[in-house]
């Protein structure tokens, strides 16, 4: 087994050493690391899919927000124009 690991990694054991360092740093035992890797292997695709879906939803909400802001701005401008027209009309009627 150790020989096959050495061959598969081309003698580069740095990832294993880093994992060992993380394990010690986080006060984890081998069983906990195995459990964490197992959970990650089974849950990671689902979590990545969930993350992409959440990103898509945020993008949709941002587009909707921008559209609503434009609508509000347009309605505000129309309201100002309506008031201006009303004032001009009142002024014209006073002059007549």
PDB file of N, CA and C in Angstrom:
ATOM      1  N   UNK A   1       0.818  -1.196   0.000  1.00  0.00           N
ATOM      2  CA  UNK A   1       0.000   0.000   0.000  1.00  0.00           C
ATOM      3  C   UNK A   1       0.868   1.270   0.000  1.00  0.00           C
ATOM      4  N   UNK A   2       1.834   1.431   0.913  1.00  0.00           N
ATOM      5  CA  UNK A   2       2.661   2.635   0.888  1.00  0.00           C
ATOM      6  C   UNK A   2       3.385   2.819  -0.447  1.00  0.00           C
ATOM      7  N   UNK A   3       3.834   1.707  -1.059  1.00  0.00           N
ATOM      8  CA  UNK A   3       4.509   1.818  -2.350  1.00  0.00           C
ATOM      9  C   UNK A   3       3.573   2.321  -3.436  1.00  0.00           C
ATOM     10  N   UNK A   4       2.315   1.861  -3.424  1.00  0.00           N
ATOM     11  CA  UNK A   4       1.370   2.301  -4.451  1.00  0.00           C
ATOM     12  C   UNK A   4       1.030   3.781  -4.265  1.00  0.00           C
ATOM     13  N   UNK A   5       0.920   4.248  -3.029  1.00  0.00           N
ATOM     14  CA  UNK A   5       0.676   5.672  -2.765  1.00  0.00           C
ATOM     15  C   UNK A   5       1.851   6.479  -3.288  1.00  0.00           C
ATOM     16  N   UNK A   6       3.059   5.999  -3.026  1.00  0.00           N
ATOM     17  CA  UNK A   6       4.270   6.695  -3.471  1.00  0.00           C
ATOM     18  C   UNK A   6       4.292   6.783  -4.996  1.00  0.00           C
ATOM     19  N   UNK A   7       3.906   5.692  -5.666  1.00  0.00           N
ATOM     20  CA  UNK A   7       3.881   5.674  -7.126  1.00  0.00           C
ATOM     21  C   UNK A   7       2.798   6.599  -7.681  1.00  0.00           C
ATOM     22  N   UNK A   8       1.598   6.532  -7.093  1.00  0.00           N
ATOM     23  CA  UNK A   8       0.480   7.352  -7.589  1.00  0.00           C
ATOM     24  C   UNK A   8       0.730   8.844  -7.406  1.00  0.00           C
ATOM     25  N   UNK A   9       1.461   9.199  -6.389  1.00  0.00           N
ATOM     26  CA  UNK A   9       1.720  10.621  -6.131  1.00  0.00           C
ATOM     27  C   UNK A   9       3.061  11.069  -6.692  1.00  0.00           C
ATOM     28  N   UNK A  10       3.754  10.157  -7.400  1.00  0.00           N
ATOM     29  CA  UNK A  10       5.090  10.443  -7.932  1.00  0.00           C
ATOM     30  C   UNK A  10       6.037  10.920  -6.827  1.00  0.00           C
ATOM     31  N   UNK A  11       5.850  10.358  -5.656  1.00  0.00           N
ATOM     32  CA  UNK A  11       6.723  10.691  -4.529  1.00  0.00           C
ATOM     33  C   UNK A  11       6.402  12.020  -3.866  1.00  0.00           C
ATOM     34  N   UNK A  12       5.356  12.672  -4.306  1.00  0.00           N
ATOM     35  CA  UNK A  12       4.973  13.969  -3.734  1.00  0.00           C
ATOM     36  C   UNK A  12       3.946  13.736  -2.618  1.00  0.00           C
ATOM     37  N   UNK A  13       4.424  13.705  -1.420  1.00  0.00           N
ATOM     38  CA  UNK A  13       3.567  13.425  -0.269  1.00  0.00           C
ATOM     39  C   UNK A  13       3.128  14.694   0.450  1.00  0.00           C
ATOM     40  N   UNK A  14       3.406  15.855  -0.117  1.00  0.00           N
ATOM     41  CA  UNK A  14       3.039  17.124   0.516  1.00  0.00           C
ATOM     42  C   UNK A  14       1.551  17.209   0.869  1.00  0.00           C
ATOM     43  N   UNK A  15       0.640  16.779  -0.008  1.00  0.00           N
ATOM     44  CA  UNK A  15      -0.785  16.854   0.365  1.00  0.00           C
ATOM     45  C   UNK A  15      -1.105  16.037   1.623  1.00  0.00           C
ATOM     46  N   UNK A  16      -0.472  14.867   1.748  1.00  0.00           N
ATOM     47  CA  UNK A  16      -0.709  14.046   2.930  1.00  0.00           C
ATOM     48  C   UNK A  16      -0.145  14.711   4.176  1.00  0.00           C
ATOM     49  N   UNK A  17       1.008  15.328   4.015  1.00  0.00           N
ATOM     50  CA  UNK A  17       1.617  16.023   5.153  1.00  0.00           C
ATOM     51  C   UNK A  17       0.781  17.235   5.555  1.00  0.00           C
ATOM     52  N   UNK A  18       0.247  17.933   4.569  1.00  0.00           N
ATOM     53  CA  UNK A  18      -0.620  19.079   4.866  1.00  0.00           C
ATOM     54  C   UNK A  18      -1.883  18.610   5.581  1.00  0.00           C
ATOM     55  N   UNK A  19      -2.470  17.522   5.100  1.00  0.00           N
ATOM     56  CA  UNK A  19      -3.651  16.949   5.746  1.00  0.00           C
ATOM     57  C   UNK A  19      -3.334  16.548   7.179  1.00  0.00           C
ATOM     58  N   UNK A  20      -2.200  15.945   7.372  1.00  0.00           N
ATOM     59  CA  UNK A  20      -1.788  15.545   8.720  1.00  0.00           C
ATOM     60  C   UNK A  20      -1.638  16.784   9.613  1.00  0.00           C
ATOM     61  N   UNK A  21      -1.035  17.835   9.064  1.00  0.00           N
ATOM     62  CA  UNK A  21      -0.880  19.081   9.827  1.00  0.00           C
ATOM     63  C   UNK A  21      -2.231  19.689  10.195  1.00  0.00           C
ATOM     64  N   UNK A  22      -3.170  19.704   9.248  1.00  0.00           N
ATOM     65  CA  UNK A  22      -4.515  20.211   9.525  1.00  0.00           C
ATOM     66  C   UNK A  22      -5.222  19.372  10.568  1.00  0.00           C
ATOM     67  N   UNK A  23      -5.021  18.074  10.476  1.00  0.00           N
ATOM     68  CA  UNK A  23      -5.624  17.161  11.436  1.00  0.00           C
ATOM     69  C   UNK A  23      -5.128  17.486  12.846  1.00  0.00           C
ATOM     70  N   UNK A  24      -3.827  17.677  12.991  1.00  0.00           N
ATOM     71  CA  UNK A  24      -3.249  17.990  14.305  1.00  0.00           C
ATOM     72  C   UNK A  24      -3.679  19.372  14.770  1.00  0.00           C
ATOM     73  N   UNK A  25      -3.668  20.321  13.850  1.00  0.00           N
ATOM     74  CA  UNK A  25      -4.042  21.701  14.174  1.00  0.00           C
ATOM     75  C   UNK A  25      -5.474  21.794  14.699  1.00  0.00           C
ATOM     76  N   UNK A  26      -6.344  20.946  14.154  1.00  0.00           N
ATOM     77  CA  UNK A  26      -7.755  20.952  14.546  1.00  0.00           C
ATOM     78  C   UNK A  26      -8.087  19.883  15.584  1.00  0.00           C
ATOM     79  N   UNK A  27      -7.059  19.269  16.121  1.00  0.00           N
ATOM     80  CA  UNK A  27      -7.221  18.254  17.182  1.00  0.00           C
ATOM     81  C   UNK A  27      -8.170  17.142  16.748  1.00  0.00           C
ATOM     82  N   UNK A  28      -7.969  16.660  15.529  1.00  0.00           N
ATOM     83  CA  UNK A  28      -8.807  15.586  14.992  1.00  0.00           C
ATOM     84  C   UNK A  28      -8.032  14.280  14.996  1.00  0.00           C
ATOM     85  N   UNK A  29      -8.767  13.193  15.194  1.00  0.00           N
ATOM     86  CA  UNK A  29      -8.124  11.888  15.073  1.00  0.00           C
ATOM     87  C   UNK A  29      -8.401  11.332  13.683  1.00  0.00           C
ATOM     88  N   UNK A  30      -7.806  10.212  13.359  1.00  0.00           N
ATOM     89  CA  UNK A  30      -7.929   9.631  12.017  1.00  0.00           C
ATOM     90  C   UNK A  30      -9.381   9.311  11.671  1.00  0.00           C
ATOM     91  N   UNK A  31     -10.127   8.780  12.646  1.00  0.00           N
ATOM     92  CA  UNK A  31     -11.534   8.439  12.398  1.00  0.00           C
ATOM     93  C   UNK A  31     -12.336   9.696  12.032  1.00  0.00           C
ATOM     94  N   UNK A  32     -12.043  10.810  12.693  1.00  0.00           N
ATOM     95  CA  UNK A  32     -12.745  12.057  12.396  1.00  0.00           C
ATOM     96  C   UNK A  32     -12.405  12.560  10.992  1.00  0.00           C
ATOM     97  N   UNK A  33     -11.155  12.420  10.617  1.00  0.00           N
ATOM     98  CA  UNK A  33     -10.748  12.847   9.274  1.00  0.00           C
ATOM     99  C   UNK A  33     -11.431  11.983   8.222  1.00  0.00           C
ATOM    100  N   UNK A  34     -11.458  10.690   8.444  1.00  0.00           N
ATOM    101  CA  UNK A  34     -12.127   9.778   7.507  1.00  0.00           C
ATOM    102  C   UNK A  34     -13.603  10.142   7.396  1.00  0.00           C
ATOM    103  N   UNK A  35     -14.236  10.416   8.526  1.00  0.00           N
ATOM    104  CA  UNK A  35     -15.650  10.793   8.534  1.00  0.00           C
ATOM    105  C   UNK A  35     -15.860  12.110   7.773  1.00  0.00           C
ATOM    106  N   UNK A  36     -14.984  13.086   7.998  1.00  0.00           N
ATOM    107  CA  UNK A  36     -15.097  14.385   7.321  1.00  0.00           C
ATOM    108  C   UNK A  36     -14.940  14.221   5.811  1.00  0.00           C
ATOM    109  N   UNK A  37     -13.989  13.421   5.387  1.00  0.00           N
ATOM    110  CA  UNK A  37     -13.775  13.189   3.950  1.00  0.00           C
ATOM    111  C   UNK A  37     -14.983  12.468   3.361  1.00  0.00           C
ATOM    112  N   UNK A  38     -15.521  11.495   4.078  1.00  0.00           N
ATOM    113  CA  UNK A  38     -16.693  10.758   3.611  1.00  0.00           C
ATOM    114  C   UNK A  38     -17.892  11.701   3.457  1.00  0.00           C
ATOM    115  N   UNK A  39     -18.115  12.549   4.447  1.00  0.00           N
ATOM    116  CA  UNK A  39     -19.217  13.511   4.378  1.00  0.00           C
ATOM    117  C   UNK A  39     -19.001  14.456   3.200  1.00  0.00           C
ATOM    118  N   UNK A  40     -17.790  14.965   3.061  1.00  0.00           N
ATOM    119  CA  UNK A  40     -17.490  15.896   1.969  1.00  0.00           C
ATOM    120  C   UNK A  40     -17.690  15.236   0.612  1.00  0.00           C
ATOM    121  N   UNK A  41     -17.244  14.008   0.479  1.00  0.00           N
ATOM    122  CA  UNK A  41     -17.359  13.298  -0.801  1.00  0.00           C
ATOM    123  C   UNK A  41     -18.821  13.087  -1.183  1.00  0.00           C
ATOM    124  N   UNK A  42     -19.658  12.822  -0.192  1.00  0.00           N
ATOM    125  CA  UNK A  42     -21.074  12.573  -0.478  1.00  0.00           C
ATOM    126  C   UNK A  42     -21.890  13.860  -0.551  1.00  0.00           C
ATOM    127  N   UNK A  43     -21.511  14.874   0.191  1.00  0.00           N
ATOM    128  CA  UNK A  43     -22.310  16.100   0.272  1.00  0.00           C
ATOM    129  C   UNK A  43     -21.826  17.208  -0.643  1.00  0.00           C
ATOM    130  N   UNK A  44     -20.569  17.185  -1.024  1.00  0.00           N
ATOM    131  CA  UNK A  44     -20.000  18.293  -1.787  1.00  0.00           C
ATOM    132  C   UNK A  44     -20.727  18.557  -3.108  1.00  0.00           C
ATOM    133  N   UNK A  45     -21.023  17.544  -3.913  1.00  0.00           N
ATOM    134  CA  UNK A  45     -21.745  17.834  -5.164  1.00  0.00           C
ATOM    135  C   UNK A  45     -23.099  18.509  -4.901  1.00  0.00           C
ATOM    136  N   UNK A  46     -23.813  18.033  -3.891  1.00  0.00           N
ATOM    137  CA  UNK A  46     -25.093  18.639  -3.541  1.00  0.00           C
ATOM    138  C   UNK A  46     -24.905  20.087  -3.089  1.00  0.00           C
ATOM    139  N   UNK A  47     -23.892  20.329  -2.248  1.00  0.00           N
ATOM    140  CA  UNK A  47     -23.626  21.676  -1.738  1.00  0.00           C
ATOM    141  C   UNK A  47     -23.197  22.605  -2.875  1.00  0.00           C
ATOM    142  N   UNK A  48     -22.405  22.110  -3.812  1.00  0.00           N
ATOM    143  CA  UNK A  48     -22.001  22.931  -4.961  1.00  0.00           C
ATOM    144  C   UNK A  48     -23.211  23.290  -5.813  1.00  0.00           C
ATOM    145  N   UNK A  49     -24.095  22.323  -6.014  1.00  0.00           N
ATOM    146  CA  UNK A  49     -25.319  22.560  -6.777  1.00  0.00           C
ATOM    147  C   UNK A  49     -26.193  23.581  -6.055  1.00  0.00           C
ATOM    148  N   UNK A  50     -26.314  23.441  -4.758  1.00  0.00           N
ATOM    149  CA  UNK A  50     -27.096  24.370  -3.955  1.00  0.00           C
ATOM    150  C   UNK A  50     -26.511  25.779  -4.029  1.00  0.00           C
ATOM    151  N   UNK A  51     -25.189  25.870  -3.973  1.00  0.00           N
ATOM    152  CA  UNK A  51     -24.505  27.158  -4.064  1.00  0.00           C
ATOM    153  C   UNK A  51     -24.768  27.816  -5.420  1.00  0.00           C
ATOM    154  N   UNK A  52     -24.667  27.052  -6.510  1.00  0.00           N
ATOM    155  CA  UNK A  52     -24.920  27.594  -7.846  1.00  0.00           C
ATOM    156  C   UNK A  52     -26.368  28.071  -7.966  1.00  0.00           C
ATOM    157  N   UNK A  53     -27.280  27.296  -7.415  1.00  0.00           N
ATOM    158  CA  UNK A  53     -28.692  27.681  -7.444  1.00  0.00           C
ATOM    159  C   UNK A  53     -28.900  28.981  -6.665  1.00  0.00           C
ATOM    160  N   UNK A  54     -28.278  29.105  -5.507  1.00  0.00           N
ATOM    161  CA  UNK A  54     -28.391  30.328  -4.704  1.00  0.00           C
ATOM    162  C   UNK A  54     -27.805  31.521  -5.456  1.00  0.00           C
ATOM    163  N   UNK A  55     -26.664  31.320  -6.127  1.00  0.00           N
ATOM    164  CA  UNK A  55     -26.065  32.404  -6.918  1.00  0.00           C
ATOM    165  C   UNK A  55     -27.009  32.849  -8.030  1.00  0.00           C
ATOM    166  N   UNK A  56     -27.631  31.889  -8.711  1.00  0.00           N
ATOM    167  CA  UNK A  56     -28.576  32.211  -9.778  1.00  0.00           C
ATOM    168  C   UNK A  56     -29.761  33.004  -9.230  1.00  0.00           C
ATOM    169  N   UNK A  57     -30.258  32.591  -8.076  1.00  0.00           N
ATOM    170  CA  UNK A  57     -31.385  33.288  -7.461  1.00  0.00           C
ATOM    171  C   UNK A  57     -31.002  34.713  -7.073  1.00  0.00           C
ATOM    172  N   UNK A  58     -29.809  34.890  -6.538  1.00  0.00           N
ATOM    173  CA  UNK A  58     -29.338  36.235  -6.175  1.00  0.00           C
ATOM    174  C   UNK A  58     -29.241  37.107  -7.418  1.00  0.00           C
ATOM    175  N   UNK A  59     -28.713  36.556  -8.498  1.00  0.00           N
ATOM    176  CA  UNK A  59     -28.617  37.314  -9.752  1.00  0.00           C
ATOM    177  C   UNK A  59     -29.998  37.713 -10.262  1.00  0.00           C
ATOM    178  N   UNK A  60     -30.960  36.791 -10.195  1.00  0.00           N
ATOM    179  CA  UNK A  60     -32.323  37.110 -10.620  1.00  0.00           C
ATOM    180  C   UNK A  60     -32.912  38.221  -9.750  1.00  0.00           C
ATOM    181  N   UNK A  61     -32.680  38.120  -8.446  1.00  0.00           N
ATOM    182  CA  UNK A  61     -33.214  39.130  -7.534  1.00  0.00           C
ATOM    183  C   UNK A  61     -32.576  40.495  -7.791  1.00  0.00           C
ATOM    184  N   UNK A  62     -31.297  40.507  -8.107  1.00  0.00           N
ATOM    185  CA  UNK A  62     -30.629  41.769  -8.405  1.00  0.00           C
ATOM    186  C   UNK A  62     -31.185  42.389  -9.689  1.00  0.00           C
ATOM    187  N   UNK A  63     -31.432  41.559 -10.697  1.00  0.00           N
ATOM    188  CA  UNK A  63     -32.025  42.067 -11.937  1.00  0.00           C
ATOM    189  C   UNK A  63     -33.432  42.606 -11.680  1.00  0.00           C
ATOM    190  N   UNK A  64     -34.209  41.883 -10.879  1.00  0.00           N
ATOM    191  CA  UNK A  64     -35.555  42.338 -10.525  1.00  0.00           C
ATOM    192  C   UNK A  64     -35.493  43.657  -9.765  1.00  0.00           C
ATOM    193  N   UNK A  65     -34.555  43.760  -8.840  1.00  0.00           N
ATOM    194  CA  UNK A  65     -34.386  44.990  -8.061  1.00  0.00           C
ATOM    195  C   UNK A  65     -34.064  46.172  -8.978  1.00  0.00           C
ATOM    196  N   UNK A  66     -33.136  45.963  -9.908  1.00  0.00           N
ATOM    197  CA  UNK A  66     -32.773  47.027 -10.835  1.00  0.00           C
ATOM    198  C   UNK A  66     -33.979  47.446 -11.682  1.00  0.00           C
ATOM    199  N   UNK A  67     -34.745  46.479 -12.120  1.00  0.00           N
ATOM    200  CA  UNK A  67     -35.934  46.766 -12.913  1.00  0.00           C
ATOM    201  C   UNK A  67     -36.945  47.561 -12.093  1.00  0.00           C
ATOM    202  N   UNK A  68     -37.149  47.167 -10.850  1.00  0.00           N
ATOM    203  CA  UNK A  68     -38.084  47.884  -9.985  1.00  0.00           C
ATOM    204  C   UNK A  68     -37.605  49.298  -9.701  1.00  0.00           C
ATOM    205  N   UNK A  69     -36.304  49.461  -9.506  1.00  0.00           N
ATOM    206  CA  UNK A  69     -35.764  50.804  -9.289  1.00  0.00           C
ATOM    207  C   UNK A  69     -35.987  51.692 -10.512  1.00  0.00           C
ATOM    208  N   UNK A  70     -35.806  51.130 -11.703  1.00  0.00           N
ATOM    209  CA  UNK A  70     -36.069  51.887 -12.930  1.00  0.00           C
ATOM    210  C   UNK A  70     -37.549  52.269 -13.023  1.00  0.00           C
ATOM    211  N   UNK A  71     -38.429  51.325 -12.677  1.00  0.00           N
ATOM    212  CA  UNK A  71     -39.867  51.608 -12.693  1.00  0.00           C
ATOM    213  C   UNK A  71     -40.215  52.736 -11.720  1.00  0.00           C
ATOM    214  N   UNK A  72     -39.656  52.678 -10.524  1.00  0.00           N
ATOM    215  CA  UNK A  72     -39.915  53.723  -9.527  1.00  0.00           C
ATOM    216  C   UNK A  72     -39.426  55.067 -10.033  1.00  0.00           C
ATOM    217  N   UNK A  73     -38.232  55.080 -10.607  1.00  0.00           N
ATOM    218  CA  UNK A  73     -37.680  56.331 -11.140  1.00  0.00           C
ATOM    219  C   UNK A  73     -38.559  56.882 -12.256  1.00  0.00           C
ATOM    220  N   UNK A  74     -39.024  56.008 -13.128  1.00  0.00           N
ATOM    221  CA  UNK A  74     -39.899  56.426 -14.227  1.00  0.00           C
ATOM    222  C   UNK A  74     -41.203  56.990 -13.678  1.00  0.00           C
ATOM    223  N   UNK A  75     -41.801  56.315 -12.712  1.00  0.00           N
ATOM    224  CA  UNK A  75     -43.059  56.792 -12.125  1.00  0.00           C
ATOM    225  C   UNK A  75     -42.854  58.116 -11.404  1.00  0.00           C
ATOM    226  N   UNK A  76     -41.720  58.294 -10.770  1.00  0.00           N
ATOM    227  CA  UNK A  76     -41.403  59.554 -10.098  1.00  0.00           C
ATOM    228  C   UNK A  76     -41.310  60.681 -11.130  1.00  0.00           C
ATOM    229  N   UNK A  77     -40.634  60.414 -12.237  1.00  0.00           N
ATOM    230  CA  UNK A  77     -40.506  61.421 -13.291  1.00  0.00           C
ATOM    231  C   UNK A  77     -41.874  61.759 -13.881  1.00  0.00           C
ATOM    232  N   UNK A  78     -42.704  60.749 -14.081  1.00  0.00           N
ATOM    233  CA  UNK A  78     -44.054  60.975 -14.603  1.00  0.00           C
ATOM    234  C   UNK A  78     -44.851  61.825 -13.622  1.00  0.00           C
ATOM    235  N   UNK A  79     -44.709  61.547 -12.341  1.00  0.00           N
ATOM    236  CA  UNK A  79     -45.409  62.325 -11.319  1.00  0.00           C
ATOM    237  C   UNK A  79     -44.981  63.786 -11.358  1.00  0.00           C
ATOM    238  N   UNK A  80     -43.702  64.031 -11.494  1.00  0.00           N
ATOM    239  CA  UNK A  80     -43.199  65.407 -11.588  1.00  0.00           C
ATOM    240  C   UNK A  80     -43.746  66.078 -12.840  1.00  0.00           C
ATOM    241  N   UNK A  81     -43.753  65.343 -13.949  1.00  0.00           N
ATOM    242  CA  UNK A  81     -44.298  65.900 -15.191  1.00  0.00           C
ATOM    243  C   UNK A  81     -45.790  66.208 -15.048  1.00  0.00           C
ATOM    244  N   UNK A  82     -46.531  65.309 -14.399  1.00  0.00           N
ATOM    245  CA  UNK A  82     -47.958  65.554 -14.169  1.00  0.00           C
ATOM    246  C   UNK A  82     -48.166  66.826 -13.346  1.00  0.00           C
ATOM    247  N   UNK A  83     -47.382  66.991 -12.303  1.00  0.00           N
ATOM    248  CA  UNK A  83     -47.494  68.192 -11.463  1.00  0.00           C
ATOM    249  C   UNK A  83     -47.119  69.442 -12.251  1.00  0.00           C
ATOM    250  N   UNK A  84     -46.098  69.333 -13.076  1.00  0.00           N
ATOM    251  CA  UNK A  84     -45.676  70.468 -13.903  1.00  0.00           C
ATOM    252  C   UNK A  84     -46.775  70.851 -14.877  1.00  0.00           C
ATOM    253  N   UNK A  85     -47.351  69.854 -15.544  1.00  0.00           N
ATOM    254  CA  UNK A  85     -48.442  70.109 -16.487  1.00  0.00           C
ATOM    255  C   UNK A  85     -49.622  70.739 -15.751  1.00  0.00           C
ATOM    256  N   UNK A  86     -49.940  70.216 -14.570  1.00  0.00           N
ATOM    257  CA  UNK A  86     -51.043  70.768 -13.791  1.00  0.00           C
ATOM    258  C   UNK A  86     -50.780  72.236 -13.445  1.00  0.00           C
ATOM    259  N   UNK A  87     -49.580  72.564 -12.989  1.00  0.00           N
ATOM    260  CA  UNK A  87     -49.221  73.942 -12.633  1.00  0.00           C
ATOM    261  C   UNK A  87     -49.288  74.861 -13.855  1.00  0.00           C
ATOM    262  N   UNK A  88     -48.778  74.371 -14.986  1.00  0.00           N
ATOM    263  CA  UNK A  88     -48.811  75.165 -16.217  1.00  0.00           C
ATOM    264  C   UNK A  88     -50.259  75.398 -16.633  1.00  0.00           C
ATOM    265  N   UNK A  89     -51.069  74.359 -16.521  1.00  0.00           N
ATOM    266  CA  UNK A  89     -52.485  74.480 -16.873  1.00  0.00           C
ATOM    267  C   UNK A  89     -53.186  75.478 -15.948  1.00  0.00           C
ATOM    268  N   UNK A  90     -52.901  75.422 -14.657  1.00  0.00           N
ATOM    269  CA  UNK A  90     -53.492  76.371 -13.703  1.00  0.00           C
ATOM    270  C   UNK A  90     -53.060  77.799 -14.023  1.00  0.00           C
ATOM    271  N   UNK A  91     -51.799  77.959 -14.335  1.00  0.00           N
ATOM    272  CA  UNK A  91     -51.269  79.291 -14.673  1.00  0.00           C
ATOM    273  C   UNK A  91     -51.942  79.817 -15.942  1.00  0.00           C
ATOM    274  N   UNK A  92     -52.109  78.961 -16.926  1.00  0.00           N
ATOM    275  CA  UNK A  92     -52.758  79.356 -18.169  1.00  0.00           C
ATOM    276  C   UNK A  92     -54.197  79.764 -17.928  1.00  0.00           C
ATOM    277  N   UNK A  93     -54.899  79.041 -17.066  1.00  0.00           N
ATOM    278  CA  UNK A  93     -56.311  79.338 -16.779  1.00  0.00           C
ATOM    279  C   UNK A  93     -56.433  80.688 -16.047  1.00  0.00           C
ATOM    280  N   UNK A  94     -55.466  80.975 -15.191  1.00  0.00           N
ATOM    281  CA  UNK A  94     -55.507  82.265 -14.478  1.00  0.00           C
ATOM    282  C   UNK A  94     -55.320  83.432 -15.445  1.00  0.00           C
ATOM    283  N   UNK A  95     -54.508  83.203 -16.451  1.00  0.00           N
ATOM    284  CA  UNK A  95     -54.226  84.263 -17.418  1.00  0.00           C
ATOM    285  C   UNK A  95     -55.406  84.482 -18.367  1.00  0.00           C
ATOM    286  N   UNK A  96     -56.201  83.464 -18.579  1.00  0.00           N
ATOM    287  CA  UNK A  96     -57.350  83.570 -19.512  1.00  0.00           C
ATOM    288  C   UNK A  96     -58.467  84.327 -18.927  1.00  0.00           C
TER     289      UNK A  96
END
